[in-house]
Amino acid sequence: MPKLKPPMEEVVSEEGETLEPLIGKPTWSGSISIGLVNIPIRAIPITIERKISFRMLHQRCKTPISYRIFCEKGDKVPRSEIAYGYKLKGHDYLAFDLNEIASAKPASSKLIELDRFIEFFQMDPHYFERTFLLIPDNSEKPYALLRKVLETTGLAAIGKVTMSTKERVLLIHYYHNAIVATTLHYPDEVTDPSGFSEIKNLPEPGNEELALMTQIVDKMTMDLDLSIFHDSYQERIEALITSKMKGEVAQVKDEKPKKPVAKSMMEALRETLESFK
């Protein structure tokens, strides 16, 4: 079954000429502002989700399932009568119509105003949300200048922009010969693990346990290569679809993981370390 190509895969013509990489469509366009310097750009999602979607069908006639809207009283509701409720106590709601909600929506901004520059590795990656590839929009010279500065200094810029219905903080940084923008979560959107009693009250590891685990980790330490990982569930779904299209009985061998034999932690540590010899 044909697969989607990655967003930045190099494409070569029959004559051997390198063509434009396959990328998604721009989702936002605007400018980066550094003082009086203006850099027009287009933003493209740098990642794509490889996911096969299914639609629910009526098994008997194989036609798609559609939905009708009913309230909890059983009345059919036309879309013109739909309101949006903010839940209060019990079963009470504060109702808003679309115009009221739209009045609070911030105006989309076309300007990313850079506020400051920081060391890239000063940024906690747990705040990262989504990354966009920034493409120069008839701004090759200032774009190349900013790219070079970010590359040589290792710095990243913090900026702010209004996209859709939310003001977003952005981290502008260098990546693979380009400038990218990563949207960041606000501090109150990231959970602080120290607040959990289960984590606060953890026991201190013993010296022998710590030594064994350190040796295991040392044995398993190697260079990162994400290409060795793949989505086996996605591959099984593709195999099912291919079998169905060929008119075959769709079957995929069920490989259940073996349950580990219960051992004490010290036994498990020693046997794990021994397995590397």
C-alpha atoms as a PDB file:
ATOM      1  CA  MET A   1       0.000   0.000   0.000  1.00  0.00           C
ATOM      2  CA  PRO A   2       1.488   3.385  -0.894  1.00  0.00           C
ATOM      3  CA  LYS A   3       2.711   5.435   2.045  1.00  0.00           C
ATOM      4  CA  LEU A   4       2.815   9.181   2.556  1.00  0.00           C
ATOM      5  CA  LYS A   5       6.249  10.647   1.984  1.00  0.00           C
ATOM      6  CA  PRO A   6       7.925  12.546   4.820  1.00  0.00           C
ATOM      7  CA  PRO A   7       7.514  16.348   4.757  1.00  0.00           C
ATOM      8  CA  MET A   8      11.131  17.116   3.874  1.00  0.00           C
ATOM      9  CA  GLU A   9      12.046  14.179   1.624  1.00  0.00           C
ATOM     10  CA  GLU A  10      14.314  15.063  -1.290  1.00  0.00           C
ATOM     11  CA  VAL A  11      12.712  14.366  -4.662  1.00  0.00           C
ATOM     12  CA  VAL A  12      14.805  13.718  -7.791  1.00  0.00           C
ATOM     13  CA  SER A  13      13.422  13.916 -11.336  1.00  0.00           C
ATOM     14  CA  GLU A  14      14.051  11.289 -14.028  1.00  0.00           C
ATOM     15  CA  GLU A  15      16.784  13.575 -15.396  1.00  0.00           C
ATOM     16  CA  GLY A  16      18.533  13.547 -11.998  1.00  0.00           C
ATOM     17  CA  GLU A  17      17.541  17.117 -11.105  1.00  0.00           C
ATOM     18  CA  THR A  18      16.771  17.779  -7.425  1.00  0.00           C
ATOM     19  CA  LEU A  19      13.253  19.114  -7.078  1.00  0.00           C
ATOM     20  CA  GLU A  20      11.547  21.020  -4.269  1.00  0.00           C
ATOM     21  CA  PRO A  21      11.066  18.917  -1.093  1.00  0.00           C
ATOM     22  CA  LEU A  22       7.575  17.669  -0.341  1.00  0.00           C
ATOM     23  CA  ILE A  23       6.134  19.892   2.381  1.00  0.00           C
ATOM     24  CA  GLY A  24       2.759  20.810   3.778  1.00  0.00           C
ATOM     25  CA  LYS A  25       0.805  23.922   2.958  1.00  0.00           C
ATOM     26  CA  PRO A  26       1.543  27.166   4.846  1.00  0.00           C
ATOM     27  CA  THR A  27      -0.821  27.595   7.792  1.00  0.00           C
ATOM     28  CA  TRP A  28       0.234  31.142   8.668  1.00  0.00           C
ATOM     29  CA  SER A  29       2.097  34.002   7.047  1.00  0.00           C
ATOM     30  CA  GLY A  30       3.484  37.161   8.551  1.00  0.00           C
ATOM     31  CA  SER A  31       6.796  38.692   9.603  1.00  0.00           C
ATOM     32  CA  ILE A  32       9.505  38.390  12.227  1.00  0.00           C
ATOM     33  CA  SER A  33      10.313  41.762  13.744  1.00  0.00           C
ATOM     34  CA  ILE A  34      13.700  42.554  15.337  1.00  0.00           C
ATOM     35  CA  GLY A  35      13.640  46.258  16.128  1.00  0.00           C
ATOM     36  CA  LEU A  36      13.374  47.930  12.722  1.00  0.00           C
ATOM     37  CA  VAL A  37      14.349  44.761  10.826  1.00  0.00           C
ATOM     38  CA  ASN A  38      11.376  43.003   9.233  1.00  0.00           C
ATOM     39  CA  ILE A  39      11.557  39.427   7.845  1.00  0.00           C
ATOM     40  CA  PRO A  40       8.414  38.224   5.976  1.00  0.00           C
ATOM     41  CA  ILE A  41       7.927  34.469   6.387  1.00  0.00           C
ATOM     42  CA  ARG A  42       5.459  31.630   5.821  1.00  0.00           C
ATOM     43  CA  ALA A  43       4.921  28.987   8.520  1.00  0.00           C
ATOM     44  CA  ILE A  44       4.526  25.306   7.647  1.00  0.00           C
ATOM     45  CA  PRO A  45       4.009  22.470  10.190  1.00  0.00           C
ATOM     46  CA  ILE A  46       7.298  20.578  10.333  1.00  0.00           C
ATOM     47  CA  THR A  47       5.692  17.292  11.363  1.00  0.00           C
ATOM     48  CA  ILE A  48       2.877  15.219   9.887  1.00  0.00           C
ATOM     49  CA  GLU A  49       0.864  12.586  11.685  1.00  0.00           C
ATOM     50  CA  ARG A  50       0.866   9.271   9.855  1.00  0.00           C
ATOM     51  CA  LYS A  51      -2.549   7.968  10.717  1.00  0.00           C
ATOM     52  CA  ILE A  52      -5.105   5.914   8.815  1.00  0.00           C
ATOM     53  CA  SER A  53      -8.614   7.179   9.478  1.00  0.00           C
ATOM     54  CA  PHE A  54     -11.757   5.093   9.437  1.00  0.00           C
ATOM     55  CA  ARG A  55     -15.351   6.221   9.103  1.00  0.00           C
ATOM     56  CA  MET A  56     -18.164   4.363  10.809  1.00  0.00           C
ATOM     57  CA  LEU A  57     -20.480   2.488   8.398  1.00  0.00           C
ATOM     58  CA  HIS A  58     -23.780   0.690   8.718  1.00  0.00           C
ATOM     59  CA  GLN A  59     -22.542  -2.909   8.601  1.00  0.00           C
ATOM     60  CA  ARG A  60     -25.529  -4.152   6.645  1.00  0.00           C
ATOM     61  CA  CYS A  61     -25.561  -1.653   3.736  1.00  0.00           C
ATOM     62  CA  LYS A  62     -22.008  -0.274   4.073  1.00  0.00           C
ATOM     63  CA  THR A  63     -23.160   3.370   3.980  1.00  0.00           C
ATOM     64  CA  PRO A  64     -21.592   6.034   6.257  1.00  0.00           C
ATOM     65  CA  ILE A  65     -23.155   6.793   9.618  1.00  0.00           C
ATOM     66  CA  SER A  66     -24.458  10.353  10.014  1.00  0.00           C
ATOM     67  CA  TYR A  67     -25.518  12.159  13.168  1.00  0.00           C
ATOM     68  CA  ARG A  68     -28.515  14.214  14.148  1.00  0.00           C
ATOM     69  CA  ILE A  69     -28.392  16.642  17.055  1.00  0.00           C
ATOM     70  CA  PHE A  70     -30.770  16.151  19.991  1.00  0.00           C
ATOM     71  CA  CYS A  71     -30.876  17.818  23.402  1.00  0.00           C
ATOM     72  CA  GLU A  72     -31.178  15.751  26.580  1.00  0.00           C
ATOM     73  CA  LYS A  73     -34.948  16.311  26.560  1.00  0.00           C
ATOM     74  CA  GLY A  74     -35.129  14.406  23.282  1.00  0.00           C
ATOM     75  CA  ASP A  75     -35.903  17.352  20.981  1.00  0.00           C
ATOM     76  CA  LYS A  76     -34.174  17.599  17.618  1.00  0.00           C
ATOM     77  CA  VAL A  77     -32.056  20.794  17.566  1.00  0.00           C
ATOM     78  CA  PRO A  78     -31.318  22.806  14.395  1.00  0.00           C
ATOM     79  CA  ARG A  79     -27.826  24.305  14.249  1.00  0.00           C
ATOM     80  CA  SER A  80     -29.292  27.813  14.386  1.00  0.00           C
ATOM     81  CA  GLU A  81     -30.504  27.085  17.938  1.00  0.00           C
ATOM     82  CA  ILE A  82     -27.184  25.808  19.319  1.00  0.00           C
ATOM     83  CA  ALA A  83     -25.635  27.831  22.160  1.00  0.00           C
ATOM     84  CA  TYR A  84     -22.383  27.208  24.042  1.00  0.00           C
ATOM     85  CA  GLY A  85     -22.451  26.559  27.767  1.00  0.00           C
ATOM     86  CA  TYR A  86     -19.919  27.197  30.515  1.00  0.00           C
ATOM     87  CA  LYS A  87     -20.617  24.616  33.216  1.00  0.00           C
ATOM     88  CA  LEU A  88     -21.507  25.943  36.649  1.00  0.00           C
ATOM     89  CA  LYS A  89     -22.434  23.881  39.709  1.00  0.00           C
ATOM     90  CA  GLY A  90     -24.649  20.834  39.287  1.00  0.00           C
ATOM     91  CA  HIS A  91     -26.539  20.832  35.995  1.00  0.00           C
ATOM     92  CA  ASP A  92     -26.465  24.610  35.489  1.00  0.00           C
ATOM     93  CA  TYR A  93     -24.776  26.284  32.530  1.00  0.00           C
ATOM     94  CA  LEU A  94     -23.985  29.856  31.603  1.00  0.00           C
ATOM     95  CA  ALA A  95     -25.065  30.133  27.936  1.00  0.00           C
ATOM     96  CA  PHE A  96     -23.230  32.115  25.252  1.00  0.00           C
ATOM     97  CA  ASP A  97     -23.930  32.528  21.561  1.00  0.00           C
ATOM     98  CA  LEU A  98     -21.236  32.593  18.883  1.00  0.00           C
ATOM     99  CA  ASN A  99     -21.274  36.391  18.588  1.00  0.00           C
ATOM    100  CA  GLU A 100     -20.500  36.803  22.296  1.00  0.00           C
ATOM    101  CA  ILE A 101     -17.625  34.340  22.086  1.00  0.00           C
ATOM    102  CA  ALA A 102     -16.328  35.943  18.883  1.00  0.00           C
ATOM    103  CA  SER A 103     -16.229  39.365  20.595  1.00  0.00           C
ATOM    104  CA  ALA A 104     -13.557  38.028  22.987  1.00  0.00           C
ATOM    105  CA  LYS A 105     -11.484  36.427  20.234  1.00  0.00           C
ATOM    106  CA  PRO A 106      -8.147  38.230  19.761  1.00  0.00           C
ATOM    107  CA  ALA A 107      -7.368  39.630  16.354  1.00  0.00           C
ATOM    108  CA  SER A 108      -4.867  37.439  14.519  1.00  0.00           C
ATOM    109  CA  SER A 109      -1.455  39.066  14.386  1.00  0.00           C
ATOM    110  CA  LYS A 110       0.814  39.062  11.372  1.00  0.00           C
ATOM    111  CA  LEU A 111       3.874  40.058  13.367  1.00  0.00           C
ATOM    112  CA  ILE A 112       6.178  37.949  15.546  1.00  0.00           C
ATOM    113  CA  GLU A 113       7.870  40.516  17.747  1.00  0.00           C
ATOM    114  CA  LEU A 114      11.086  39.104  19.186  1.00  0.00           C
ATOM    115  CA  ASP A 115      11.412  40.062  22.829  1.00  0.00           C
ATOM    116  CA  ARG A 116      14.826  38.618  23.786  1.00  0.00           C
ATOM    117  CA  PHE A 117      17.477  36.044  22.932  1.00  0.00           C
ATOM    118  CA  ILE A 118      18.362  33.118  25.221  1.00  0.00           C
ATOM    119  CA  GLU A 119      20.612  30.061  25.214  1.00  0.00           C
ATOM    120  CA  PHE A 120      18.656  27.389  23.324  1.00  0.00           C
ATOM    121  CA  PHE A 121      19.353  24.680  25.910  1.00  0.00           C
ATOM    122  CA  GLN A 122      18.082  26.964  28.660  1.00  0.00           C
ATOM    123  CA  MET A 123      14.575  26.178  27.389  1.00  0.00           C
ATOM    124  CA  ASP A 124      12.837  23.281  29.140  1.00  0.00           C
ATOM    125  CA  PRO A 125      11.628  20.955  26.298  1.00  0.00           C
ATOM    126  CA  HIS A 126       8.524  20.059  28.320  1.00  0.00           C
ATOM    127  CA  TYR A 127       7.161  23.474  27.354  1.00  0.00           C
ATOM    128  CA  PHE A 128       7.412  22.645  23.632  1.00  0.00           C
ATOM    129  CA  GLU A 129       4.059  22.324  21.860  1.00  0.00           C
ATOM    130  CA  ARG A 130       4.345  22.323  18.049  1.00  0.00           C
ATOM    131  CA  THR A 131       7.098  23.303  15.633  1.00  0.00           C
ATOM    132  CA  PHE A 132       6.708  25.176  12.347  1.00  0.00           C
ATOM    133  CA  LEU A 133       9.231  25.531   9.543  1.00  0.00           C
ATOM    134  CA  LEU A 134       9.648  29.193   8.627  1.00  0.00           C
ATOM    135  CA  ILE A 135      10.169  29.837   4.910  1.00  0.00           C
ATOM    136  CA  PRO A 136      11.403  33.239   3.632  1.00  0.00           C
ATOM    137  CA  ASP A 137       8.718  35.147   1.752  1.00  0.00           C
ATOM    138  CA  ASN A 138      10.717  37.355  -0.644  1.00  0.00           C
ATOM    139  CA  SER A 139      13.030  38.040   2.325  1.00  0.00           C
ATOM    140  CA  GLU A 140      16.016  35.834   1.523  1.00  0.00           C
ATOM    141  CA  LYS A 141      18.704  38.298   2.641  1.00  0.00           C
ATOM    142  CA  PRO A 142      17.423  39.179   6.165  1.00  0.00           C
ATOM    143  CA  TYR A 143      16.266  35.555   6.643  1.00  0.00           C
ATOM    144  CA  ALA A 144      19.761  34.275   5.801  1.00  0.00           C
ATOM    145  CA  LEU A 145      21.279  36.827   8.194  1.00  0.00           C
ATOM    146  CA  LEU A 146      19.103  35.751  11.138  1.00  0.00           C
ATOM    147  CA  ARG A 147      19.657  32.071  10.319  1.00  0.00           C
ATOM    148  CA  LYS A 148      23.435  32.557  10.357  1.00  0.00           C
ATOM    149  CA  VAL A 149      23.339  34.378  13.696  1.00  0.00           C
ATOM    150  CA  LEU A 150      21.188  31.675  15.307  1.00  0.00           C
ATOM    151  CA  GLU A 151      23.448  28.947  13.906  1.00  0.00           C
ATOM    152  CA  THR A 152      26.772  30.467  14.974  1.00  0.00           C
ATOM    153  CA  THR A 153      25.714  31.720  18.422  1.00  0.00           C
ATOM    154  CA  GLY A 154      23.529  28.792  19.497  1.00  0.00           C
ATOM    155  CA  LEU A 155      20.980  31.324  20.702  1.00  0.00           C
ATOM    156  CA  ALA A 156      17.208  31.257  20.258  1.00  0.00           C
ATOM    157  CA  ALA A 157      14.721  34.111  20.308  1.00  0.00           C
ATOM    158  CA  ILE A 158      11.536  34.445  22.325  1.00  0.00           C
ATOM    159  CA  GLY A 159       8.606  36.103  20.583  1.00  0.00           C
ATOM    160  CA  LYS A 160       4.851  36.413  20.836  1.00  0.00           C
ATOM    161  CA  VAL A 161       2.103  36.199  18.236  1.00  0.00           C
ATOM    162  CA  THR A 162      -1.673  35.775  18.111  1.00  0.00           C
ATOM    163  CA  MET A 163      -2.668  32.735  16.074  1.00  0.00           C
ATOM    164  CA  SER A 164      -6.241  31.475  15.799  1.00  0.00           C
ATOM    165  CA  THR A 165      -7.871  32.147  19.195  1.00  0.00           C
ATOM    166  CA  LYS A 166      -4.778  32.224  21.406  1.00  0.00           C
ATOM    167  CA  GLU A 167      -1.813  34.432  22.126  1.00  0.00           C
ATOM    168  CA  ARG A 168       1.202  32.160  21.761  1.00  0.00           C
ATOM    169  CA  VAL A 169       4.771  32.413  22.960  1.00  0.00           C
ATOM    170  CA  LEU A 170       7.254  31.240  20.326  1.00  0.00           C
ATOM    171  CA  LEU A 171      10.809  29.976  20.458  1.00  0.00           C
ATOM    172  CA  ILE A 172      12.567  30.957  17.208  1.00  0.00           C
ATOM    173  CA  HIS A 173      15.639  28.779  16.632  1.00  0.00           C
ATOM    174  CA  TYR A 174      17.981  27.186  14.085  1.00  0.00           C
ATOM    175  CA  TYR A 175      17.277  23.670  12.787  1.00  0.00           C
ATOM    176  CA  HIS A 176      18.816  21.811   9.818  1.00  0.00           C
ATOM    177  CA  ASN A 177      19.825  24.875   7.791  1.00  0.00           C
ATOM    178  CA  ALA A 178      16.525  26.656   8.449  1.00  0.00           C
ATOM    179  CA  ILE A 179      14.723  28.813  11.001  1.00  0.00           C
ATOM    180  CA  VAL A 180      11.880  27.174  12.878  1.00  0.00           C
ATOM    181  CA  ALA A 181       9.333  28.404  15.415  1.00  0.00           C
ATOM    182  CA  THR A 182       8.168  26.230  18.298  1.00  0.00           C
ATOM    183  CA  THR A 183       5.017  27.243  20.131  1.00  0.00           C
ATOM    184  CA  LEU A 184       5.382  27.018  23.906  1.00  0.00           C
ATOM    185  CA  HIS A 185       2.983  26.082  26.674  1.00  0.00           C
ATOM    186  CA  TYR A 186       2.406  28.681  29.379  1.00  0.00           C
ATOM    187  CA  PRO A 187       3.763  27.770  32.858  1.00  0.00           C
ATOM    188  CA  ASP A 188       0.280  27.059  34.225  1.00  0.00           C
ATOM    189  CA  GLU A 189      -0.232  24.477  31.440  1.00  0.00           C
ATOM    190  CA  VAL A 190       2.731  22.317  32.542  1.00  0.00           C
ATOM    191  CA  THR A 191       2.272  20.075  35.603  1.00  0.00           C
ATOM    192  CA  ASP A 192       4.876  20.346  38.366  1.00  0.00           C
ATOM    193  CA  PRO A 193       5.723  16.724  39.369  1.00  0.00           C
ATOM    194  CA  SER A 194       6.934  17.800  42.825  1.00  0.00           C
ATOM    195  CA  GLY A 195       3.330  18.261  43.910  1.00  0.00           C
ATOM    196  CA  PHE A 196       2.619  14.507  43.906  1.00  0.00           C
ATOM    197  CA  SER A 197       3.005  12.772  47.288  1.00  0.00           C
ATOM    198  CA  GLU A 198       3.926   9.492  45.538  1.00  0.00           C
ATOM    199  CA  ILE A 199       7.022  11.231  44.175  1.00  0.00           C
ATOM    200  CA  LYS A 200       7.832  13.202  47.326  1.00  0.00           C
ATOM    201  CA  ASN A 201       7.922  10.076  49.510  1.00  0.00           C
ATOM    202  CA  LEU A 202      10.116   7.836  47.336  1.00  0.00           C
ATOM    203  CA  PRO A 203      12.752   5.763  49.218  1.00  0.00           C
ATOM    204  CA  GLU A 204      16.469   6.417  48.766  1.00  0.00           C
ATOM    205  CA  PRO A 205      18.080   3.659  46.604  1.00  0.00           C
ATOM    206  CA  GLY A 206      20.668   1.422  48.243  1.00  0.00           C
ATOM    207  CA  ASN A 207      24.303   1.594  47.129  1.00  0.00           C
ATOM    208  CA  GLU A 208      24.337  -1.897  45.565  1.00  0.00           C
ATOM    209  CA  GLU A 209      21.101  -1.311  43.691  1.00  0.00           C
ATOM    210  CA  LEU A 210      22.396   2.021  42.441  1.00  0.00           C
ATOM    211  CA  ALA A 211      25.683   0.489  41.291  1.00  0.00           C
ATOM    212  CA  LEU A 212      23.942  -2.322  39.379  1.00  0.00           C
ATOM    213  CA  MET A 213      21.454   0.016  37.698  1.00  0.00           C
ATOM    214  CA  THR A 214      24.271   2.412  36.738  1.00  0.00           C
ATOM    215  CA  GLN A 215      26.155  -0.464  35.081  1.00  0.00           C
ATOM    216  CA  ILE A 216      23.006  -1.517  33.169  1.00  0.00           C
ATOM    217  CA  VAL A 217      22.449   2.031  31.941  1.00  0.00           C
ATOM    218  CA  ASP A 218      26.117   2.251  30.921  1.00  0.00           C
ATOM    219  CA  LYS A 219      25.757  -0.962  28.871  1.00  0.00           C
ATOM    220  CA  MET A 220      22.643   0.404  27.139  1.00  0.00           C
ATOM    221  CA  THR A 221      24.062   3.849  26.356  1.00  0.00           C
ATOM    222  CA  MET A 222      24.591   4.439  22.629  1.00  0.00           C
ATOM    223  CA  ASP A 223      24.093   7.023  19.881  1.00  0.00           C
ATOM    224  CA  LEU A 224      20.540   8.060  19.094  1.00  0.00           C
ATOM    225  CA  ASP A 225      19.024   6.610  15.897  1.00  0.00           C
ATOM    226  CA  LEU A 226      15.267   7.158  15.678  1.00  0.00           C
ATOM    227  CA  SER A 227      15.105   5.384  12.290  1.00  0.00           C
ATOM    228  CA  ILE A 228      15.151   1.990  14.051  1.00  0.00           C
ATOM    229  CA  PHE A 229      11.719   2.668  15.554  1.00  0.00           C
ATOM    230  CA  HIS A 230       8.481   2.207  13.633  1.00  0.00           C
ATOM    231  CA  ASP A 231       4.754   2.121  14.296  1.00  0.00           C
ATOM    232  CA  SER A 232       3.921  -1.593  14.222  1.00  0.00           C
ATOM    233  CA  TYR A 233       0.215  -0.909  14.807  1.00  0.00           C
ATOM    234  CA  GLN A 234       0.093   1.310  11.722  1.00  0.00           C
ATOM    235  CA  GLU A 235       1.825  -1.423   9.707  1.00  0.00           C
ATOM    236  CA  ARG A 236      -0.714  -4.021  10.906  1.00  0.00           C
ATOM    237  CA  ILE A 237      -3.593  -1.738   9.884  1.00  0.00           C
ATOM    238  CA  GLU A 238      -2.021  -1.264   6.439  1.00  0.00           C
ATOM    239  CA  ALA A 239      -1.677  -5.046   6.128  1.00  0.00           C
ATOM    240  CA  LEU A 240      -5.373  -5.479   6.982  1.00  0.00           C
ATOM    241  CA  ILE A 241      -6.401  -2.910   4.361  1.00  0.00           C
ATOM    242  CA  THR A 242      -4.170  -4.503   1.709  1.00  0.00           C
ATOM    243  CA  SER A 243      -5.637  -7.958   2.417  1.00  0.00           C
ATOM    244  CA  LYS A 244      -9.189  -6.623   2.193  1.00  0.00           C
ATOM    245  CA  MET A 245      -8.483  -4.864  -1.118  1.00  0.00           C
ATOM    246  CA  LYS A 246      -7.183  -8.160  -2.545  1.00  0.00           C
ATOM    247  CA  GLY A 247     -10.316  -9.950  -1.379  1.00  0.00           C
ATOM    248  CA  GLU A 248      -8.395 -12.015   1.141  1.00  0.00           C
ATOM    249  CA  VAL A 249      -9.483 -12.842   4.665  1.00  0.00           C
ATOM    250  CA  ALA A 250      -7.958 -10.095   6.765  1.00  0.00           C
ATOM    251  CA  GLN A 251      -5.923 -11.711   9.507  1.00  0.00           C
ATOM    252  CA  VAL A 252      -2.936 -10.470  11.433  1.00  0.00           C
ATOM    253  CA  LYS A 253      -1.041 -12.752  13.777  1.00  0.00           C
ATOM    254  CA  ASP A 254      -1.633 -11.740  17.358  1.00  0.00           C
ATOM    255  CA  GLU A 255       1.710 -11.482  19.109  1.00  0.00           C
ATOM    256  CA  LYS A 256       1.072 -11.028  22.799  1.00  0.00           C
ATOM    257  CA  PRO A 257       4.052  -9.856  24.841  1.00  0.00           C
ATOM    258  CA  LYS A 258       5.313 -12.355  27.384  1.00  0.00           C
ATOM    259  CA  LYS A 259       4.703 -11.438  30.993  1.00  0.00           C
ATOM    260  CA  PRO A 260       7.955 -11.095  32.927  1.00  0.00           C
ATOM    261  CA  VAL A 261       8.528 -13.609  35.713  1.00  0.00           C
ATOM    262  CA  ALA A 262       8.151 -11.989  39.131  1.00  0.00           C
ATOM    263  CA  LYS A 263      11.554 -11.480  40.775  1.00  0.00           C
ATOM    264  CA  SER A 264      12.997  -9.376  43.538  1.00  0.00           C
ATOM    265  CA  MET A 265      14.533  -6.131  42.317  1.00  0.00           C
ATOM    266  CA  MET A 266      18.068  -7.303  43.168  1.00  0.00           C
ATOM    267  CA  GLU A 267      17.570 -10.555  41.225  1.00  0.00           C
ATOM    268  CA  ALA A 268      16.181  -8.653  38.254  1.00  0.00           C
ATOM    269  CA  LEU A 269      19.101  -6.213  38.316  1.00  0.00           C
ATOM    270  CA  ARG A 270      21.746  -8.949  38.516  1.00  0.00           C
ATOM    271  CA  GLU A 271      20.166 -11.061  35.747  1.00  0.00           C
ATOM    272  CA  THR A 272      19.718  -8.035  33.506  1.00  0.00           C
ATOM    273  CA  LEU A 273      23.370  -7.087  33.903  1.00  0.00           C
ATOM    274  CA  GLU A 274      24.414 -10.689  33.306  1.00  0.00           C
ATOM    275  CA  SER A 275      22.466 -10.762  30.027  1.00  0.00           C
ATOM    276  CA  PHE A 276      24.832  -8.152  28.554  1.00  0.00           C
ATOM    277  CA  LYS A 277      27.875 -10.412  28.972  1.00  0.00           C
END
